[in-house]
């Protein structure tokens, strides 16, 4: 009995020592200043968003949602056409009409002008499905379609070939940056291009782009739809 009692006292002492050590041990402290989100983690999240494999959302579903809104606006605008009026749809190209995801993902979201231009020259960017449907519906409704892109005019032949290859045909205009416009800000460049459309007697009922800079500036369309694009930003 004395031996058992001794063992119990030893066990109790050991537990007490552990508890005392745990209470006296300092908590682990990390020193860290405020900083932006980690770039590597953001890239991983962007890929998961594009592939619809995260809780952060689904790129395809978001695209389809906005494209359905654009289609309704297009049909509403076409139905409200006044006698003699020429309704028009204005579309951006990259990540609005054609997807640049193959180039973006291959280059880890980086942008090198020469590399990007070489990719664009291949003219095999796939269509954004919802925008292609919108384009076809505009044709059915008798709505003219104008592409206004930030691409350089040196890529015109490749861009036209790519649009045809992706299923876009019979557009009414394609505006690209001239040499003198390469350094011009997006909003004044694109709004001036829309002004040219209006000056030719068209009424822009809908404008669709993946950047707000595709849509802002006067003249505005009756309806403007901004497609999702968290992959890059163009002011």
Protein backbone atom coordinates (compact mmCIF):
# COMPACT_ATOMS: atom_id res chain seq x y z
CA UNK A 1 0.00 0.00 0.00
CA UNK A 2 2.85 2.43 0.85
CA UNK A 3 4.48 1.59 -2.50
CA UNK A 4 1.25 2.40 -4.38
CA UNK A 5 0.80 5.64 -2.48
CA UNK A 6 4.35 6.63 -3.31
CA UNK A 7 3.77 5.98 -7.00
CA UNK A 8 0.61 8.11 -6.93
CA UNK A 9 2.50 10.97 -5.26
CA UNK A 10 5.25 10.76 -7.91
CA UNK A 11 2.73 10.77 -10.75
CA UNK A 12 0.92 13.75 -9.25
CA UNK A 13 4.20 15.63 -8.87
CA UNK A 14 5.10 14.92 -12.50
CA UNK A 15 1.73 16.23 -13.75
CA UNK A 16 2.05 19.31 -11.55
CA UNK A 17 5.54 20.00 -12.91
CA UNK A 18 4.30 19.72 -16.49
CA UNK A 19 1.43 22.12 -15.78
CA UNK A 20 3.73 24.61 -14.08
CA UNK A 21 6.19 24.47 -16.99
CA UNK A 22 3.37 24.94 -19.48
CA UNK A 23 2.11 27.99 -17.58
CA UNK A 24 5.55 29.54 -17.32
CA UNK A 25 6.58 28.88 -20.97
CA UNK A 26 6.16 32.05 -23.06
CA UNK A 27 3.72 31.93 -25.98
CA UNK A 28 5.30 31.88 -29.44
CA UNK A 29 5.23 35.41 -30.84
CA UNK A 30 5.51 36.44 -34.49
CA UNK A 31 6.53 39.95 -35.40
CA UNK A 32 4.95 41.09 -38.66
CA UNK A 33 4.14 44.45 -40.16
CA UNK A 34 1.06 45.05 -42.32
CA UNK A 35 1.63 44.06 -45.95
CA UNK A 36 -0.40 43.32 -49.11
CA UNK A 37 -1.67 39.82 -49.82
CA UNK A 38 1.00 37.30 -50.83
CA UNK A 39 1.44 37.23 -54.62
CA UNK A 40 2.03 33.49 -54.80
CA UNK A 41 -1.14 32.78 -52.85
CA UNK A 42 -3.11 35.21 -55.02
CA UNK A 43 -1.95 33.48 -58.21
CA UNK A 44 -3.00 30.12 -56.79
CA UNK A 45 -6.41 31.56 -55.92
CA UNK A 46 -6.81 33.11 -59.38
CA UNK A 47 -6.11 29.77 -61.05
CA UNK A 48 -8.63 28.07 -58.79
CA UNK A 49 -11.18 30.79 -59.57
CA UNK A 50 -10.65 30.32 -63.30
CA UNK A 51 -10.95 26.53 -62.96
CA UNK A 52 -13.96 26.81 -60.59
CA UNK A 53 -12.23 24.71 -57.93
CA UNK A 54 -12.39 27.10 -54.96
CA UNK A 55 -14.92 28.66 -52.63
CA UNK A 56 -13.87 32.08 -53.98
CA UNK A 57 -16.21 31.80 -56.97
CA UNK A 58 -16.33 30.42 -60.51
CA UNK A 59 -15.12 32.43 -63.48
CA UNK A 60 -17.29 30.64 -66.05
CA UNK A 61 -20.47 31.06 -64.00
CA UNK A 62 -19.71 34.74 -63.41
CA UNK A 63 -19.09 35.25 -67.12
CA UNK A 64 -22.34 33.53 -68.05
CA UNK A 65 -24.28 35.66 -65.56
CA UNK A 66 -23.00 38.93 -67.03
CA UNK A 67 -23.39 37.68 -70.60
CA UNK A 68 -27.06 36.88 -69.92
CA UNK A 69 -27.54 40.41 -68.62
CA UNK A 70 -25.85 41.77 -71.74
CA UNK A 71 -28.12 39.70 -73.96
CA UNK A 72 -31.23 41.08 -72.24
CA UNK A 73 -29.92 44.64 -72.61
CA UNK A 74 -29.20 44.00 -76.29
CA UNK A 75 -32.68 42.68 -76.98
CA UNK A 76 -34.27 45.50 -74.98
CA UNK A 77 -32.28 48.12 -76.87
CA UNK A 78 -33.03 46.56 -80.26
CA UNK A 79 -36.75 46.38 -79.45
CA UNK A 80 -36.77 50.09 -78.58
CA UNK A 81 -35.17 51.13 -81.86
CA UNK A 82 -36.69 54.27 -83.36
CA UNK A 83 -37.54 54.51 -87.08
CA UNK A 84 -34.39 55.12 -89.11
CA UNK A 85 -32.10 54.52 -86.11
CA UNK A 86 -28.99 52.39 -86.50
CA UNK A 87 -28.37 50.47 -83.23
CA UNK A 88 -24.85 49.31 -82.46
CA UNK A 89 -23.04 46.96 -80.09
CA UNK A 90 -19.46 47.79 -79.05
CA UNK A 91 -17.18 44.97 -77.92
CA UNK A 92 -13.69 44.89 -76.47
CA UNK A 93 -11.57 41.97 -77.70
CA UNK A 94 -9.11 40.56 -75.15
CA UNK A 95 -10.94 38.68 -72.39
CA UNK A 96 -14.22 40.05 -73.67
CA UNK A 97 -14.49 38.46 -77.11
CA UNK A 98 -11.34 36.31 -77.11
CA UNK A 99 -9.74 34.61 -74.11
CA UNK A 100 -6.09 35.32 -73.35
CA UNK A 101 -6.02 32.69 -70.59
CA UNK A 102 -3.67 30.34 -72.52
CA UNK A 103 -1.05 33.12 -72.64
CA UNK A 104 -1.74 34.39 -69.12
CA UNK A 105 -1.41 31.01 -67.46
CA UNK A 106 1.61 29.96 -69.53
CA UNK A 107 3.47 33.10 -68.44
CA UNK A 108 2.37 33.05 -64.79
CA UNK A 109 0.28 36.24 -65.20
CA UNK A 110 3.32 38.20 -66.36
CA UNK A 111 3.26 40.57 -69.33
CA UNK A 112 6.14 41.01 -71.75
CA UNK A 113 5.07 42.91 -74.85
CA UNK A 114 7.18 40.92 -77.33
CA UNK A 115 6.03 37.60 -75.87
CA UNK A 116 2.38 38.67 -75.86
CA UNK A 117 2.55 39.95 -79.45
CA UNK A 118 4.14 36.71 -80.63
CA UNK A 119 1.29 34.80 -79.01
CA UNK A 120 -1.32 37.10 -80.58
CA UNK A 121 0.25 36.57 -84.01
CA UNK A 122 -0.66 32.88 -83.74
CA UNK A 123 -4.33 33.92 -83.97
CA UNK A 124 -5.66 30.96 -82.00
CA UNK A 125 -7.17 32.61 -78.90
CA UNK A 126 -10.51 30.88 -78.17
CA UNK A 127 -13.79 32.78 -78.17
CA UNK A 128 -15.51 33.84 -74.96
CA UNK A 129 -18.61 31.71 -75.50
CA UNK A 130 -21.17 34.15 -74.11
CA UNK A 131 -19.82 37.05 -76.17
CA UNK A 132 -19.94 34.96 -79.33
CA UNK A 133 -23.61 34.21 -78.60
CA UNK A 134 -24.16 37.94 -78.06
CA UNK A 135 -22.45 38.71 -81.38
CA UNK A 136 -24.63 36.21 -83.25
CA UNK A 137 -27.78 37.56 -81.62
CA UNK A 138 -26.85 41.11 -82.63
CA UNK A 139 -26.60 39.93 -86.22
CA UNK A 140 -30.07 38.36 -85.97
CA UNK A 141 -31.50 41.59 -84.57
CA UNK A 142 -29.88 43.79 -87.20
CA UNK A 143 -27.57 45.47 -84.69
CA UNK A 144 -24.20 46.61 -86.05
CA UNK A 145 -21.11 45.36 -84.16
CA UNK A 146 -17.94 47.38 -83.63
CA UNK A 147 -14.79 46.01 -81.99
CA UNK A 148 -12.67 48.57 -80.12
CA UNK A 149 -9.45 47.08 -78.79
CA UNK A 150 -6.27 48.31 -77.16
CA UNK A 151 -4.23 46.08 -79.45
CA UNK A 152 -1.74 47.78 -81.75
CA UNK A 153 -2.74 48.14 -85.40
CA UNK A 154 0.35 46.10 -86.35
CA UNK A 155 -1.66 43.09 -85.12
CA UNK A 156 -4.64 43.82 -87.39
CA UNK A 157 -4.21 40.91 -89.79
CA UNK A 158 -3.66 38.40 -86.97
CA UNK A 159 -6.55 39.84 -84.96
CA UNK A 160 -8.98 39.69 -87.88
CA UNK A 161 -7.87 36.13 -88.63
CA UNK A 162 -8.31 35.15 -84.98
CA UNK A 163 -11.80 36.66 -84.82
CA UNK A 164 -12.83 34.75 -87.94
CA UNK A 165 -11.27 31.53 -86.63
CA UNK A 166 -13.19 31.93 -83.35
CA UNK A 167 -16.53 32.36 -85.14
CA UNK A 168 -16.90 36.15 -85.37
CA UNK A 169 -17.87 37.30 -88.85
CA UNK A 170 -19.41 40.31 -90.59
CA UNK A 171 -18.57 42.97 -88.01
CA UNK A 172 -18.98 46.60 -88.99
CA UNK A 173 -15.76 48.07 -87.65
CA UNK A 174 -12.49 47.20 -85.88
CA UNK A 175 -10.62 50.04 -84.15
CA UNK A 176 -7.02 49.38 -83.09
CA UNK A 177 -4.34 51.66 -81.70
CA UNK A 178 -2.27 53.49 -84.27
CA UNK A 179 1.41 54.16 -83.59
CA UNK A 180 0.55 57.60 -82.22
CA UNK A 181 -2.06 56.14 -79.84
CA UNK A 182 0.09 53.46 -78.21
CA UNK A 183 0.76 55.53 -75.08
CA UNK A 184 -2.70 57.09 -74.86
CA UNK A 185 -4.78 56.26 -71.79
CA UNK A 186 -7.52 53.71 -72.33
CA UNK A 187 -10.56 55.82 -71.41
CA UNK A 188 -9.85 58.74 -73.78
CA UNK A 189 -8.76 56.34 -76.55
CA UNK A 190 -11.87 54.15 -76.37
CA UNK A 191 -14.34 56.95 -75.77
CA UNK A 192 -12.96 58.75 -78.86
CA UNK A 193 -13.44 55.53 -80.84
CA UNK A 194 -17.06 55.30 -79.65
CA UNK A 195 -17.52 58.94 -80.66
CA UNK A 196 -16.46 57.98 -84.18
CA UNK A 197 -19.16 55.27 -84.22
CA UNK A 198 -21.77 57.82 -83.14
CA UNK A 199 -20.57 60.33 -85.71
CA UNK A 200 -21.25 57.75 -88.41
CA UNK A 201 -24.89 57.78 -87.40
CA UNK A 202 -25.04 54.82 -85.01
CA UNK A 203 -26.75 54.66 -81.62
CA UNK A 204 -24.70 52.55 -79.20
CA UNK A 205 -27.25 50.54 -77.25
CA UNK A 206 -24.73 48.24 -75.53
CA UNK A 207 -21.02 48.20 -74.72
CA UNK A 208 -19.26 45.17 -73.22
CA UNK A 209 -15.73 44.97 -71.80
CA UNK A 210 -13.70 43.26 -69.08
CA UNK A 211 -12.23 46.53 -67.71
CA UNK A 212 -14.11 49.58 -66.50
CA UNK A 213 -11.79 51.61 -68.72
CA UNK A 214 -13.38 49.84 -71.71
CA UNK A 215 -16.73 51.38 -70.80
CA UNK A 216 -16.14 54.78 -69.21
CA UNK A 217 -15.98 58.14 -70.95
CA UNK A 218 -18.45 59.88 -73.24
CA UNK A 219 -20.30 58.93 -75.31
CA UNK A 220 -21.61 56.15 -73.08
CA UNK A 221 -23.70 53.26 -74.34
CA UNK A 222 -27.32 53.00 -73.19
CA UNK A 223 -26.21 49.89 -71.29
CA UNK A 224 -22.69 48.88 -70.27
CA UNK A 225 -21.70 45.44 -69.00
CA UNK A 226 -18.40 44.78 -67.24
CA UNK A 227 -17.32 41.13 -67.51
CA UNK A 228 -15.31 39.61 -64.63
CA UNK A 229 -11.53 39.75 -64.95
CA UNK A 230 -9.44 39.63 -61.76
CA UNK A 231 -6.36 38.51 -63.71
CA UNK A 232 -5.03 41.95 -64.65
CA UNK A 233 -6.01 45.60 -64.49
CA UNK A 234 -5.95 48.29 -67.18
CA UNK A 235 -6.67 51.81 -65.87
